[in-house]
């Protein structure tokens, strides 16, 4: 295995562990319709490193497995996190602007608000649009309020990731 591949594998593992740990440490506010999943702050990381894509997927899978919201959350919630991570990575590699980082939180906010609500609303017996609003607000808090400062901090120390620096 090449040193670069080994580094990416280590990054993915660390991101997965961090996501799962944050999701479970903040369990009371990480699951349900009223949630601010602190771990979602990490969903901006694909903007910096492609290793974050599988890392977020695995971390979310682990957190959702122990989260208690059912198999739908394990399967669909994890897949939606993967979709959002891929879209965030696409922004990083395709948007050629000094300010592209401002778009990094949008995929996780939109994908989770619209997608997670599809299966979560019936599980907890609320309307779809109510779930969209509540999950969306929690995602904005996690991704913009927590994730954006994290992203800027890591960008200022770009040598940690090596994929993208502004």
N, C-alpha and C. Protein backbone atom coordinates (compact mmCIF):
# COMPACT_ATOMS: atom_id res chain seq x y z
N UNK A 1 0.85 -1.17 0.00
CA UNK A 1 0.00 0.00 0.00
C UNK A 1 0.90 1.24 0.00
N UNK A 2 0.59 2.17 -0.86
CA UNK A 2 1.40 3.38 -0.98
C UNK A 2 1.22 4.25 0.27
N UNK A 3 2.19 5.10 0.57
CA UNK A 3 2.06 5.99 1.73
C UNK A 3 0.83 6.89 1.66
N UNK A 4 0.51 7.37 0.46
CA UNK A 4 -0.68 8.22 0.30
C UNK A 4 -1.95 7.45 0.63
N UNK A 5 -2.04 6.23 0.11
CA UNK A 5 -3.22 5.39 0.35
C UNK A 5 -3.34 5.04 1.83
N UNK A 6 -2.21 4.77 2.45
CA UNK A 6 -2.18 4.47 3.88
C UNK A 6 -2.63 5.67 4.69
N UNK A 7 -2.19 6.86 4.29
CA UNK A 7 -2.60 8.10 4.96
C UNK A 7 -4.10 8.31 4.82
N UNK A 8 -4.65 8.09 3.63
CA UNK A 8 -6.08 8.26 3.41
C UNK A 8 -6.89 7.25 4.21
N UNK A 9 -6.40 6.03 4.29
CA UNK A 9 -7.09 5.00 5.08
C UNK A 9 -7.11 5.38 6.55
N UNK A 10 -5.99 5.89 7.04
CA UNK A 10 -5.92 6.33 8.44
C UNK A 10 -6.86 7.50 8.68
N UNK A 11 -6.90 8.45 7.74
CA UNK A 11 -7.81 9.59 7.87
C UNK A 11 -9.26 9.12 7.91
N UNK A 12 -9.61 8.22 7.01
CA UNK A 12 -10.98 7.70 6.96
C UNK A 12 -11.34 7.02 8.28
N UNK A 13 -10.43 6.25 8.82
CA UNK A 13 -10.66 5.57 10.09
C UNK A 13 -10.84 6.54 11.25
N UNK A 14 -10.02 7.56 11.28
CA UNK A 14 -10.13 8.57 12.34
C UNK A 14 -11.44 9.35 12.22
N UNK A 15 -11.82 9.69 11.01
CA UNK A 15 -13.08 10.42 10.80
C UNK A 15 -14.27 9.54 11.19
N UNK A 16 -14.22 8.26 10.82
CA UNK A 16 -15.30 7.34 11.19
C UNK A 16 -15.41 7.23 12.71
N UNK A 17 -14.27 7.07 13.36
CA UNK A 17 -14.27 6.96 14.82
C UNK A 17 -14.79 8.23 15.47
N UNK A 18 -14.35 9.38 14.97
CA UNK A 18 -14.79 10.66 15.53
C UNK A 18 -16.30 10.86 15.36
N UNK A 19 -16.81 10.54 14.16
CA UNK A 19 -18.24 10.69 13.91
C UNK A 19 -19.05 9.78 14.84
N UNK A 20 -18.67 8.52 14.91
CA UNK A 20 -19.40 7.58 15.76
C UNK A 20 -19.34 8.02 17.22
N UNK A 21 -18.17 8.41 17.67
CA UNK A 21 -18.01 8.83 19.06
C UNK A 21 -18.85 10.07 19.37
N UNK A 22 -18.78 11.08 18.51
CA UNK A 22 -19.57 12.28 18.74
C UNK A 22 -21.07 12.00 18.72
N UNK A 23 -21.47 11.14 17.79
CA UNK A 23 -22.89 10.78 17.72
C UNK A 23 -23.38 10.10 18.98
N UNK A 24 -22.54 9.27 19.56
CA UNK A 24 -22.96 8.52 20.74
C UNK A 24 -22.74 9.30 22.04
N UNK A 25 -21.68 10.09 22.12
CA UNK A 25 -21.47 10.92 23.31
C UNK A 25 -22.60 11.93 23.46
N UNK A 26 -23.04 12.49 22.34
CA UNK A 26 -24.13 13.45 22.37
C UNK A 26 -25.45 12.78 22.00
N UNK A 27 -25.61 11.53 22.40
CA UNK A 27 -26.78 10.72 22.06
C UNK A 27 -28.11 11.45 22.27
N UNK A 28 -28.33 12.10 23.42
CA UNK A 28 -29.65 12.70 23.65
C UNK A 28 -30.07 13.74 22.61
N UNK A 29 -29.09 14.38 21.95
CA UNK A 29 -29.46 15.38 20.95
C UNK A 29 -29.09 14.93 19.53
N UNK A 30 -28.69 13.67 19.37
CA UNK A 30 -28.24 13.17 18.07
C UNK A 30 -29.30 12.41 17.28
N UNK A 31 -30.38 12.02 17.92
CA UNK A 31 -31.37 11.18 17.25
C UNK A 31 -32.76 11.72 17.50
N UNK A 32 -33.65 11.51 16.53
CA UNK A 32 -35.02 11.98 16.64
C UNK A 32 -35.23 13.21 15.77
N UNK A 33 -36.44 13.74 15.81
CA UNK A 33 -36.75 14.88 14.95
C UNK A 33 -36.16 16.17 15.50
N UNK A 34 -36.05 16.29 16.82
CA UNK A 34 -35.40 17.45 17.44
C UNK A 34 -33.96 17.06 17.70
N UNK A 35 -33.10 17.33 16.73
CA UNK A 35 -31.72 16.90 16.88
C UNK A 35 -30.75 17.94 16.36
N UNK A 36 -29.64 18.02 17.06
CA UNK A 36 -28.47 18.71 16.56
C UNK A 36 -27.36 17.69 16.71
N UNK A 37 -27.14 16.93 15.66
CA UNK A 37 -26.13 15.88 15.70
C UNK A 37 -24.76 16.55 15.53
N UNK A 38 -24.08 16.72 16.64
CA UNK A 38 -22.78 17.39 16.67
C UNK A 38 -21.82 16.74 15.67
N UNK A 39 -21.91 15.45 15.50
CA UNK A 39 -21.05 14.72 14.56
C UNK A 39 -21.21 15.23 13.13
N UNK A 40 -22.35 15.81 12.81
CA UNK A 40 -22.57 16.33 11.47
C UNK A 40 -21.68 17.52 11.13
N UNK A 41 -21.05 18.11 12.13
CA UNK A 41 -20.07 19.16 11.86
C UNK A 41 -18.94 18.61 10.99
N UNK A 42 -18.69 17.32 11.09
CA UNK A 42 -17.61 16.68 10.32
C UNK A 42 -17.97 16.50 8.85
N UNK A 43 -19.22 16.72 8.50
CA UNK A 43 -19.64 16.49 7.11
C UNK A 43 -19.08 17.51 6.13
N UNK A 44 -18.41 18.53 6.62
CA UNK A 44 -17.71 19.47 5.74
C UNK A 44 -16.34 18.93 5.32
N UNK A 45 -15.86 17.89 5.96
CA UNK A 45 -14.51 17.38 5.71
C UNK A 45 -14.26 16.86 4.30
N UNK A 46 -15.26 16.34 3.58
CA UNK A 46 -14.99 15.95 2.20
C UNK A 46 -14.52 17.12 1.32
N UNK A 47 -14.77 18.32 1.76
CA UNK A 47 -14.27 19.48 1.02
C UNK A 47 -12.74 19.50 1.05
N UNK A 48 -12.16 18.95 2.10
CA UNK A 48 -10.71 18.95 2.26
C UNK A 48 -10.04 17.65 1.85
N UNK A 49 -10.74 16.54 2.00
CA UNK A 49 -10.10 15.25 1.79
C UNK A 49 -11.10 14.22 1.28
N UNK A 50 -10.70 13.50 0.25
CA UNK A 50 -11.59 12.45 -0.26
C UNK A 50 -11.72 11.30 0.74
N UNK A 51 -10.77 11.18 1.65
CA UNK A 51 -10.84 10.13 2.67
C UNK A 51 -12.02 10.32 3.61
N UNK A 52 -12.53 11.54 3.69
CA UNK A 52 -13.67 11.81 4.56
C UNK A 52 -14.94 11.15 4.06
N UNK A 53 -15.04 10.89 2.77
CA UNK A 53 -16.27 10.30 2.21
C UNK A 53 -16.55 8.93 2.83
N UNK A 54 -15.64 7.96 2.72
CA UNK A 54 -15.92 6.67 3.37
C UNK A 54 -15.91 6.78 4.89
N UNK A 55 -15.10 7.67 5.43
CA UNK A 55 -15.04 7.84 6.88
C UNK A 55 -16.37 8.27 7.46
N UNK A 56 -17.02 9.23 6.82
CA UNK A 56 -18.32 9.69 7.29
C UNK A 56 -19.38 8.61 7.16
N UNK A 57 -19.33 7.88 6.05
CA UNK A 57 -20.30 6.80 5.84
C UNK A 57 -20.19 5.75 6.94
N UNK A 58 -18.99 5.29 7.20
CA UNK A 58 -18.79 4.25 8.22
C UNK A 58 -19.12 4.78 9.61
N UNK A 59 -18.70 6.00 9.91
CA UNK A 59 -19.00 6.59 11.21
C UNK A 59 -20.49 6.73 11.44
N UNK A 60 -21.21 7.17 10.42
CA UNK A 60 -22.66 7.32 10.51
C UNK A 60 -23.33 5.96 10.66
N UNK A 61 -22.84 4.99 9.93
CA UNK A 61 -23.38 3.63 10.03
C UNK A 61 -23.26 3.11 11.46
N UNK A 62 -22.11 3.30 12.07
CA UNK A 62 -21.89 2.85 13.45
C UNK A 62 -22.80 3.62 14.41
N UNK A 63 -22.83 4.94 14.30
CA UNK A 63 -23.66 5.75 15.19
C UNK A 63 -25.13 5.37 15.05
N UNK A 64 -25.60 5.22 13.81
CA UNK A 64 -27.01 4.89 13.59
C UNK A 64 -27.35 3.48 14.07
N UNK A 65 -26.40 2.58 14.00
CA UNK A 65 -26.63 1.21 14.49
C UNK A 65 -26.95 1.23 15.98
N UNK A 66 -26.26 2.07 16.72
CA UNK A 66 -26.48 2.16 18.16
C UNK A 66 -27.50 3.23 18.54
N UNK A 67 -27.99 3.99 17.54
CA UNK A 67 -28.87 5.11 17.82
C UNK A 67 -30.28 4.77 18.21
N UNK A 68 -30.76 3.61 17.84
CA UNK A 68 -32.08 3.19 18.26
C UNK A 68 -33.25 3.69 17.43
N UNK A 69 -32.97 4.25 16.24
CA UNK A 69 -34.06 4.73 15.41
C UNK A 69 -34.50 3.70 14.37
N UNK A 70 -33.96 2.50 14.43
CA UNK A 70 -34.40 1.43 13.55
C UNK A 70 -33.50 1.20 12.35
N UNK A 71 -33.82 0.13 11.64
CA UNK A 71 -33.00 -0.27 10.50
C UNK A 71 -33.01 0.78 9.39
N UNK A 72 -34.12 1.53 9.29
CA UNK A 72 -34.20 2.56 8.25
C UNK A 72 -33.10 3.61 8.44
N UNK A 73 -32.85 3.98 9.68
CA UNK A 73 -31.82 4.97 9.96
C UNK A 73 -30.44 4.40 9.68
N UNK A 74 -30.24 3.14 10.01
CA UNK A 74 -28.94 2.51 9.74
C UNK A 74 -28.68 2.48 8.24
N UNK A 75 -29.66 2.03 7.48
CA UNK A 75 -29.48 1.88 6.03
C UNK A 75 -29.57 3.23 5.31
N UNK A 76 -30.73 3.86 5.41
CA UNK A 76 -30.98 5.07 4.62
C UNK A 76 -30.22 6.28 5.16
N UNK A 77 -30.17 6.42 6.47
CA UNK A 77 -29.42 7.54 7.05
C UNK A 77 -27.96 7.51 6.67
N UNK A 78 -27.37 6.32 6.70
CA UNK A 78 -25.96 6.17 6.33
C UNK A 78 -25.76 6.43 4.84
N UNK A 79 -26.67 5.92 4.02
CA UNK A 79 -26.56 6.17 2.57
C UNK A 79 -26.74 7.65 2.23
N UNK A 80 -27.63 8.32 2.94
CA UNK A 80 -27.81 9.76 2.71
C UNK A 80 -26.57 10.54 3.12
N UNK A 81 -25.91 10.11 4.18
CA UNK A 81 -24.65 10.75 4.57
C UNK A 81 -23.60 10.53 3.50
N UNK A 82 -23.58 9.35 2.91
CA UNK A 82 -22.65 9.07 1.82
C UNK A 82 -22.93 9.97 0.62
N UNK A 83 -24.19 10.12 0.26
CA UNK A 83 -24.57 10.98 -0.87
C UNK A 83 -24.13 12.42 -0.59
N UNK A 84 -24.42 12.91 0.61
CA UNK A 84 -24.04 14.28 0.97
C UNK A 84 -22.52 14.46 0.94
N UNK A 85 -21.79 13.45 1.40
CA UNK A 85 -20.33 13.52 1.40
C UNK A 85 -19.79 13.57 -0.03
N UNK A 86 -20.35 12.76 -0.90
CA UNK A 86 -19.92 12.77 -2.31
C UNK A 86 -20.22 14.13 -2.94
N UNK A 87 -21.39 14.68 -2.68
CA UNK A 87 -21.74 15.99 -3.23
C UNK A 87 -20.82 17.09 -2.69
N UNK A 88 -20.48 17.02 -1.42
CA UNK A 88 -19.55 17.99 -0.85
C UNK A 88 -18.19 17.87 -1.50
N UNK A 89 -17.76 16.63 -1.75
CA UNK A 89 -16.48 16.42 -2.42
C UNK A 89 -16.52 16.97 -3.85
N UNK A 90 -17.64 16.78 -4.53
CA UNK A 90 -17.79 17.31 -5.89
C UNK A 90 -17.69 18.83 -5.92
N UNK A 91 -18.22 19.48 -4.90
CA UNK A 91 -18.08 20.93 -4.81
C UNK A 91 -16.60 21.29 -4.71
N UNK A 92 -15.87 20.56 -3.90
CA UNK A 92 -14.45 20.85 -3.69
C UNK A 92 -13.63 20.73 -4.97
N UNK A 93 -13.95 19.74 -5.79
CA UNK A 93 -13.14 19.51 -6.99
C UNK A 93 -13.67 20.22 -8.23
N UNK A 94 -14.92 20.69 -8.19
CA UNK A 94 -15.48 21.28 -9.41
C UNK A 94 -15.73 22.78 -9.34
N UNK A 95 -15.94 23.32 -8.16
CA UNK A 95 -16.19 24.76 -8.05
C UNK A 95 -14.85 25.46 -7.90
N UNK A 96 -14.52 26.26 -8.88
CA UNK A 96 -13.23 26.95 -8.91
C UNK A 96 -13.40 28.38 -8.42
N UNK A 97 -13.46 28.53 -7.13
CA UNK A 97 -13.62 29.84 -6.52
C UNK A 97 -12.94 29.83 -5.16
N UNK A 98 -12.40 30.97 -4.79
CA UNK A 98 -11.80 31.09 -3.46
C UNK A 98 -12.84 30.89 -2.36
N UNK A 99 -14.10 31.10 -2.71
CA UNK A 99 -15.16 31.04 -1.72
C UNK A 99 -16.00 29.76 -1.81
N UNK A 100 -15.50 28.77 -2.52
CA UNK A 100 -16.24 27.52 -2.67
C UNK A 100 -16.51 26.85 -1.33
N UNK A 101 -15.64 27.07 -0.35
CA UNK A 101 -15.82 26.46 0.97
C UNK A 101 -17.14 26.85 1.61
N UNK A 102 -17.70 28.00 1.21
CA UNK A 102 -18.98 28.43 1.76
C UNK A 102 -20.11 27.47 1.38
N UNK A 103 -19.93 26.71 0.32
CA UNK A 103 -20.95 25.77 -0.15
C UNK A 103 -20.85 24.40 0.53
N UNK A 104 -19.75 24.14 1.20
CA UNK A 104 -19.50 22.81 1.78
C UNK A 104 -20.62 22.29 2.69
N UNK A 105 -21.24 23.11 3.53
CA UNK A 105 -22.30 22.59 4.40
C UNK A 105 -23.64 22.35 3.71
N UNK A 106 -23.83 22.87 2.51
CA UNK A 106 -25.15 22.76 1.87
C UNK A 106 -25.59 21.33 1.59
N UNK A 107 -24.75 20.47 0.99
CA UNK A 107 -25.23 19.11 0.73
C UNK A 107 -25.70 18.35 1.98
N UNK A 108 -24.93 18.36 3.09
CA UNK A 108 -25.44 17.64 4.25
C UNK A 108 -26.73 18.23 4.82
N UNK A 109 -26.86 19.54 4.76
CA UNK A 109 -28.09 20.16 5.28
C UNK A 109 -29.28 19.75 4.42
N UNK A 110 -29.17 19.93 3.11
CA UNK A 110 -30.29 19.65 2.22
C UNK A 110 -30.61 18.16 2.10
N UNK A 111 -29.58 17.35 1.91
CA UNK A 111 -29.80 15.90 1.75
C UNK A 111 -30.42 15.31 3.01
N UNK A 112 -29.91 15.68 4.16
CA UNK A 112 -30.45 15.12 5.40
C UNK A 112 -31.83 15.66 5.74
N UNK A 113 -32.03 16.97 5.57
CA UNK A 113 -33.35 17.53 5.89
C UNK A 113 -34.43 16.89 5.02
N UNK A 114 -34.16 16.79 3.73
CA UNK A 114 -35.17 16.25 2.81
C UNK A 114 -35.23 14.73 2.83
N UNK A 115 -34.06 14.08 2.94
CA UNK A 115 -34.02 12.62 2.85
C UNK A 115 -34.35 11.90 4.14
N UNK A 116 -33.74 12.31 5.24
CA UNK A 116 -33.98 11.64 6.53
C UNK A 116 -35.45 11.80 6.92
N UNK A 117 -36.03 12.93 6.59
CA UNK A 117 -37.44 13.17 6.93
C UNK A 117 -38.38 12.17 6.27
N UNK A 118 -37.98 11.65 5.11
CA UNK A 118 -38.83 10.67 4.41
C UNK A 118 -39.11 9.43 5.25
N UNK A 119 -38.11 8.95 5.96
CA UNK A 119 -38.34 7.75 6.76
C UNK A 119 -38.54 8.06 8.24
N UNK A 120 -38.01 9.18 8.72
CA UNK A 120 -38.11 9.48 10.14
C UNK A 120 -39.49 10.01 10.53
N UNK A 121 -40.11 10.81 9.67
CA UNK A 121 -41.43 11.37 9.99
C UNK A 121 -42.45 10.27 10.32
N UNK A 122 -42.58 9.22 9.51
CA UNK A 122 -43.53 8.17 9.86
C UNK A 122 -43.13 7.39 11.13
N UNK A 123 -41.84 7.23 11.35
CA UNK A 123 -41.39 6.49 12.52
C UNK A 123 -41.80 7.20 13.80
N UNK A 124 -41.65 8.52 13.82
CA UNK A 124 -41.97 9.26 15.05
C UNK A 124 -43.31 9.98 14.97
N UNK A 125 -44.05 9.71 13.89
CA UNK A 125 -45.43 10.18 13.73
C UNK A 125 -45.55 11.71 13.74
N UNK A 126 -44.79 12.34 12.85
CA UNK A 126 -44.93 13.78 12.62
C UNK A 126 -45.06 13.97 11.11
N UNK A 127 -45.48 15.16 10.69
CA UNK A 127 -45.61 15.41 9.26
C UNK A 127 -44.22 15.52 8.63
N UNK A 128 -44.18 15.22 7.34
CA UNK A 128 -42.92 15.29 6.60
C UNK A 128 -42.31 16.68 6.68
N UNK A 129 -43.10 17.72 6.43
CA UNK A 129 -42.55 19.08 6.38
C UNK A 129 -42.12 19.57 7.75
N UNK A 130 -42.78 19.11 8.80
CA UNK A 130 -42.32 19.43 10.15
C UNK A 130 -40.95 18.80 10.39
N UNK A 131 -40.81 17.54 9.99
CA UNK A 131 -39.52 16.85 10.14
C UNK A 131 -38.43 17.55 9.33
N UNK A 132 -38.75 17.97 8.11
CA UNK A 132 -37.78 18.69 7.28
C UNK A 132 -37.29 19.94 8.00
N UNK A 133 -38.22 20.69 8.56
CA UNK A 133 -37.84 21.92 9.26
C UNK A 133 -36.96 21.63 10.47
N UNK A 134 -37.36 20.67 11.28
CA UNK A 134 -36.62 20.39 12.51
C UNK A 134 -35.23 19.79 12.22
N UNK A 135 -35.18 18.84 11.31
CA UNK A 135 -33.89 18.24 10.95
C UNK A 135 -33.02 19.29 10.25
N UNK A 136 -33.65 20.08 9.38
CA UNK A 136 -32.92 21.14 8.69
C UNK A 136 -32.31 22.14 9.65
N UNK A 137 -33.05 22.56 10.67
CA UNK A 137 -32.51 23.50 11.66
C UNK A 137 -31.34 22.88 12.42
N UNK A 138 -31.49 21.63 12.79
CA UNK A 138 -30.40 20.94 13.48
C UNK A 138 -29.17 20.80 12.60
N UNK A 139 -29.40 20.53 11.33
CA UNK A 139 -28.28 20.42 10.38
C UNK A 139 -27.60 21.77 10.17
N UNK A 140 -28.37 22.83 10.10
CA UNK A 140 -27.78 24.17 9.96
C UNK A 140 -26.89 24.46 11.17
N UNK A 141 -27.38 24.14 12.36
CA UNK A 141 -26.58 24.37 13.57
C UNK A 141 -25.30 23.55 13.53
N UNK A 142 -25.40 22.27 13.18
CA UNK A 142 -24.22 21.41 13.17
C UNK A 142 -23.25 21.77 12.04
N UNK A 143 -23.77 21.95 10.84
CA UNK A 143 -22.91 22.12 9.67
C UNK A 143 -22.39 23.54 9.48
N UNK A 144 -23.24 24.52 9.74
CA UNK A 144 -22.80 25.90 9.56
C UNK A 144 -22.16 26.46 10.84
N UNK A 145 -22.84 26.31 11.97
CA UNK A 145 -22.35 26.91 13.21
C UNK A 145 -21.12 26.18 13.74
N UNK A 146 -21.11 24.86 13.66
CA UNK A 146 -19.95 24.08 14.13
C UNK A 146 -19.00 23.69 12.99
N UNK A 147 -19.55 23.27 11.87
CA UNK A 147 -18.73 22.76 10.77
C UNK A 147 -17.91 23.81 10.05
N UNK A 148 -18.49 24.97 9.82
CA UNK A 148 -17.76 26.03 9.10
C UNK A 148 -16.50 26.48 9.84
N UNK A 149 -16.57 26.76 11.15
CA UNK A 149 -15.33 27.11 11.85
C UNK A 149 -14.30 25.97 11.83
N UNK A 150 -14.79 24.73 11.92
CA UNK A 150 -13.89 23.58 11.82
C UNK A 150 -13.21 23.56 10.46
N UNK A 151 -13.98 23.77 9.42
CA UNK A 151 -13.44 23.78 8.06
C UNK A 151 -12.38 24.87 7.91
N UNK A 152 -12.67 26.06 8.38
CA UNK A 152 -11.70 27.16 8.26
C UNK A 152 -10.43 26.88 9.08
N UNK A 153 -10.60 26.30 10.25
CA UNK A 153 -9.44 25.95 11.06
C UNK A 153 -8.55 24.94 10.33
N UNK A 154 -9.18 23.93 9.78
CA UNK A 154 -8.41 22.90 9.07
C UNK A 154 -7.81 23.43 7.77
N UNK A 155 -8.51 24.34 7.12
CA UNK A 155 -7.94 24.95 5.92
C UNK A 155 -6.68 25.74 6.26
N UNK A 156 -6.68 26.35 7.41
CA UNK A 156 -5.50 27.11 7.81
C UNK A 156 -4.33 26.20 8.16
N UNK A 157 -4.62 24.95 8.36
CA UNK A 157 -3.60 23.95 8.62
C UNK A 157 -3.69 22.85 7.56
N UNK A 158 -3.73 23.28 6.31
CA UNK A 158 -4.00 22.39 5.17
C UNK A 158 -3.04 21.24 5.05
N UNK A 159 -1.88 21.33 5.61
CA UNK A 159 -0.92 20.24 5.49
C UNK A 159 -1.41 18.98 6.19
N UNK A 160 -2.38 19.12 7.08
CA UNK A 160 -2.95 17.95 7.74
C UNK A 160 -3.70 17.07 6.74
N UNK A 161 -4.31 17.71 5.73
CA UNK A 161 -5.12 16.97 4.78
C UNK A 161 -4.49 16.88 3.40
N UNK A 162 -3.90 17.93 2.95
CA UNK A 162 -3.17 17.89 1.70
C UNK A 162 -3.98 17.95 0.42
N UNK A 163 -5.27 17.67 0.46
CA UNK A 163 -6.06 17.64 -0.78
C UNK A 163 -6.45 19.03 -1.25
N UNK A 164 -6.83 19.88 -0.36
CA UNK A 164 -7.41 21.16 -0.78
C UNK A 164 -6.98 22.25 0.19
N UNK A 165 -6.37 23.27 -0.31
CA UNK A 165 -6.08 24.43 0.53
C UNK A 165 -6.41 25.69 -0.25
N UNK A 166 -6.92 26.66 0.43
CA UNK A 166 -7.29 27.91 -0.22
C UNK A 166 -6.32 28.99 0.23
